[in-house]
Structure formats: structure tokens, C-alpha cells
Amino acid sequence: MAVFATVGLIVLGLAWELWLAPTGSGTLAVKVLPLLLPLPGLWKFRLYTYRWVSLFVWLYFIEGVVRASGDRGISAWLAGVEIVLSLALFVAAAAHVKARFRHAAAV
């Protein structure tokens, strides 16, 4: 779920800033570049990656909340999708970390 939500945020960010509701010359599309960094670690189930991505994802949640409350039309809807995807990523990362710690305590 974490990989799916991260890829979803990347696709949403690119589509939003380049085609669906572009703001300016599309330079805001670079906001998805940091989301590429955790993909290998998420794919390999690295605990450290899941821990820091659970904190990092709040930047995208905050952007979604700000744009959902300030923008109108399709941009507000896209911000709502960003909120949902960022919450899904947080829940998946937190659940993974919790399960790993629970398993480590049981061993």
C-alpha cells in the first residue's frame, strides 16, 4: 500500500501541475522529485525508509489541505485526492513500522 500511495502521489503531482490544473510554467512539478527517493527502500521493506517517510509525507498532506481550502474547481478536488493518498501512505508506513517492532519484540 505504501508503494502504491507513493506512486499515486507522484502521478497525481505530475498530472496536476503539468496537465490538469497547471500553475505557472509547470515548475511546481518538481515537488514530486523527493517522492522518488523512498521508492527503492519501500519496495525492499527497509524499516528506516518506512520510519522517515511517515514523517516526510506530512508535507504533502499540508499542501493538500492548504490547496483544498484555497483553490477552487478541479484543483480543490485534486488537493482532496492528495490528502487521501498522503494519509494512506502514512497509515501504511506506520502500520509497517508497528508490525516490525511487534515482531522484533516477540523474537
C-alpha atoms as a PDB file:
ATOM      1  CA  MET A   1       0.000   0.000   0.000  1.00  0.00           C
ATOM      2  CA  ALA A   2       2.882   2.365   0.765  1.00  0.00           C
ATOM      3  CA  VAL A   3       4.412   1.919  -2.685  1.00  0.00           C
ATOM      4  CA  PHE A   4       1.000   2.348  -4.328  1.00  0.00           C
ATOM      5  CA  ALA A   5       0.309   5.574  -2.395  1.00  0.00           C
ATOM      6  CA  THR A   6       3.769   6.964  -3.184  1.00  0.00           C
ATOM      7  CA  VAL A   7       3.428   6.220  -6.891  1.00  0.00           C
ATOM      8  CA  GLY A   8      -0.087   7.698  -6.730  1.00  0.00           C
ATOM      9  CA  LEU A   9       1.278  10.924  -5.245  1.00  0.00           C
ATOM     10  CA  ILE A  10       3.932  11.090  -7.972  1.00  0.00           C
ATOM     11  CA  VAL A  11       1.429  10.555 -10.781  1.00  0.00           C
ATOM     12  CA  LEU A  12      -1.048  12.979  -9.207  1.00  0.00           C
ATOM     13  CA  GLY A  13       1.602  15.674  -8.736  1.00  0.00           C
ATOM     14  CA  LEU A  14       2.828  15.412 -12.311  1.00  0.00           C
ATOM     15  CA  ALA A  15      -0.653  15.295 -13.832  1.00  0.00           C
ATOM     16  CA  TRP A  16      -1.866  18.141 -11.625  1.00  0.00           C
ATOM     17  CA  GLU A  17       0.974  20.544 -12.331  1.00  0.00           C
ATOM     18  CA  LEU A  18       1.547  19.688 -15.990  1.00  0.00           C
ATOM     19  CA  TRP A  19      -1.899  18.958 -17.458  1.00  0.00           C
ATOM     20  CA  LEU A  20      -4.970  19.022 -15.210  1.00  0.00           C
ATOM     21  CA  ALA A  21      -4.637  22.349 -13.389  1.00  0.00           C
ATOM     22  CA  PRO A  22      -1.207  23.807 -14.132  1.00  0.00           C
ATOM     23  CA  THR A  23       0.016  26.728 -12.065  1.00  0.00           C
ATOM     24  CA  GLY A  24       2.578  28.749 -13.958  1.00  0.00           C
ATOM     25  CA  SER A  25       5.039  27.073 -16.299  1.00  0.00           C
ATOM     26  CA  GLY A  26       4.854  23.635 -14.680  1.00  0.00           C
ATOM     27  CA  THR A  27       7.827  24.225 -12.424  1.00  0.00           C
ATOM     28  CA  LEU A  28       5.816  23.061  -9.414  1.00  0.00           C
ATOM     29  CA  ALA A  29       6.014  19.554 -10.862  1.00  0.00           C
ATOM     30  CA  VAL A  30       9.448  19.267  -9.242  1.00  0.00           C
ATOM     31  CA  LYS A  31       7.643  18.797  -5.931  1.00  0.00           C
ATOM     32  CA  VAL A  32       7.327  15.096  -6.800  1.00  0.00           C
ATOM     33  CA  LEU A  33      11.092  14.547  -7.069  1.00  0.00           C
ATOM     34  CA  PRO A  34      11.547  13.931  -3.316  1.00  0.00           C
ATOM     35  CA  LEU A  35       8.935  11.162  -3.573  1.00  0.00           C
ATOM     36  CA  LEU A  36      11.270   9.205  -5.838  1.00  0.00           C
ATOM     37  CA  LEU A  37      13.846   8.844  -3.050  1.00  0.00           C
ATOM     38  CA  PRO A  38      11.920   6.442  -0.774  1.00  0.00           C
ATOM     39  CA  LEU A  39      10.653   4.135  -3.547  1.00  0.00           C
ATOM     40  CA  PRO A  40      13.592   1.665  -3.503  1.00  0.00           C
ATOM     41  CA  GLY A  41      13.520   1.454   0.303  1.00  0.00           C
ATOM     42  CA  LEU A  42       9.757   0.996   0.398  1.00  0.00           C
ATOM     43  CA  TRP A  43       9.998  -1.712  -2.257  1.00  0.00           C
ATOM     44  CA  LYS A  44      12.690  -3.534  -0.225  1.00  0.00           C
ATOM     45  CA  PHE A  45      10.782  -3.104   3.080  1.00  0.00           C
ATOM     46  CA  ARG A  46      13.588  -1.164   4.767  1.00  0.00           C
ATOM     47  CA  LEU A  47      12.456  -0.127   8.226  1.00  0.00           C
ATOM     48  CA  TYR A  48      14.426   3.130   8.207  1.00  0.00           C
ATOM     49  CA  THR A  49      12.705   4.231   4.993  1.00  0.00           C
ATOM     50  CA  TYR A  50       9.262   3.498   6.392  1.00  0.00           C
ATOM     51  CA  ARG A  51      10.112   5.457   9.538  1.00  0.00           C
ATOM     52  CA  TRP A  52      11.254   8.639   7.813  1.00  0.00           C
ATOM     53  CA  VAL A  53       8.620   8.546   5.080  1.00  0.00           C
ATOM     54  CA  SER A  54       5.925   8.512   7.779  1.00  0.00           C
ATOM     55  CA  LEU A  55       7.195  11.954   8.824  1.00  0.00           C
ATOM     56  CA  PHE A  56       8.059  13.228   5.354  1.00  0.00           C
ATOM     57  CA  VAL A  57       4.582  12.575   3.922  1.00  0.00           C
ATOM     58  CA  TRP A  58       3.036  15.276   6.125  1.00  0.00           C
ATOM     59  CA  LEU A  59       4.478  17.923   3.786  1.00  0.00           C
ATOM     60  CA  TYR A  60       2.211  16.632   1.025  1.00  0.00           C
ATOM     61  CA  PHE A  61      -0.734  16.404   3.414  1.00  0.00           C
ATOM     62  CA  ILE A  62      -0.242  20.045   4.409  1.00  0.00           C
ATOM     63  CA  GLU A  63      -0.003  21.127   0.778  1.00  0.00           C
ATOM     64  CA  GLY A  64      -3.244  19.274   0.049  1.00  0.00           C
ATOM     65  CA  VAL A  65      -5.055  20.916   2.950  1.00  0.00           C
ATOM     66  CA  VAL A  66      -3.840  24.398   2.010  1.00  0.00           C
ATOM     67  CA  ARG A  67      -4.752  23.992  -1.642  1.00  0.00           C
ATOM     68  CA  ALA A  68      -8.092  22.312  -0.882  1.00  0.00           C
ATOM     69  CA  SER A  69      -9.094  25.257   1.263  1.00  0.00           C
ATOM     70  CA  GLY A  70      -7.702  27.973  -1.018  1.00  0.00           C
ATOM     71  CA  ASP A  71      -8.197  26.695  -4.561  1.00  0.00           C
ATOM     72  CA  ARG A  72     -11.445  26.232  -6.457  1.00  0.00           C
ATOM     73  CA  GLY A  73     -12.639  23.833  -9.133  1.00  0.00           C
ATOM     74  CA  ILE A  74     -10.611  20.830 -10.199  1.00  0.00           C
ATOM     75  CA  SER A  75      -7.583  21.965  -8.220  1.00  0.00           C
ATOM     76  CA  ALA A  76      -9.538  21.637  -4.960  1.00  0.00           C
ATOM     77  CA  TRP A  77     -10.605  18.110  -5.937  1.00  0.00           C
ATOM     78  CA  LEU A  78      -7.042  17.158  -6.797  1.00  0.00           C
ATOM     79  CA  ALA A  79      -5.956  18.503  -3.413  1.00  0.00           C
ATOM     80  CA  GLY A  80      -8.522  16.199  -1.804  1.00  0.00           C
ATOM     81  CA  VAL A  81      -7.006  13.244  -3.631  1.00  0.00           C
ATOM     82  CA  GLU A  82      -3.568  14.339  -2.430  1.00  0.00           C
ATOM     83  CA  ILE A  83      -4.853  14.383   1.144  1.00  0.00           C
ATOM     84  CA  VAL A  84      -6.263  10.862   0.813  1.00  0.00           C
ATOM     85  CA  LEU A  85      -3.084   9.484  -0.772  1.00  0.00           C
ATOM     86  CA  SER A  86      -0.830  11.089   1.824  1.00  0.00           C
ATOM     87  CA  LEU A  87      -2.975   9.710   4.646  1.00  0.00           C
ATOM     88  CA  ALA A  88      -2.893   6.269   3.026  1.00  0.00           C
ATOM     89  CA  LEU A  89       0.901   6.453   2.821  1.00  0.00           C
ATOM     90  CA  PHE A  90       1.165   7.499   6.459  1.00  0.00           C
ATOM     91  CA  VAL A  91      -1.141   4.709   7.652  1.00  0.00           C
ATOM     92  CA  ALA A  92       0.724   2.110   5.589  1.00  0.00           C
ATOM     93  CA  ALA A  93       4.131   3.278   6.812  1.00  0.00           C
ATOM     94  CA  ALA A  94       3.032   3.490  10.447  1.00  0.00           C
ATOM     95  CA  ALA A  95       1.413   0.049  10.293  1.00  0.00           C
ATOM     96  CA  HIS A  96       4.563  -1.427   8.775  1.00  0.00           C
ATOM     97  CA  VAL A  97       6.788   0.079  11.468  1.00  0.00           C
ATOM     98  CA  LYS A  98       4.438  -1.065  14.221  1.00  0.00           C
ATOM     99  CA  ALA A  99       4.309  -4.608  12.837  1.00  0.00           C
ATOM    100  CA  ARG A 100       8.094  -4.773  12.539  1.00  0.00           C
ATOM    101  CA  PHE A 101       8.568  -3.611  16.139  1.00  0.00           C
ATOM    102  CA  ARG A 102       5.930  -6.037  17.370  1.00  0.00           C
ATOM    103  CA  HIS A 103       7.648  -8.874  15.523  1.00  0.00           C
ATOM    104  CA  ALA A 104      11.065  -7.862  16.884  1.00  0.00           C
ATOM    105  CA  ALA A 105       9.711  -7.809  20.443  1.00  0.00           C
ATOM    106  CA  ALA A 106       8.211 -11.280  20.018  1.00  0.00           C
ATOM    107  CA  VAL A 107      11.506 -12.783  18.823  1.00  0.00           C
END
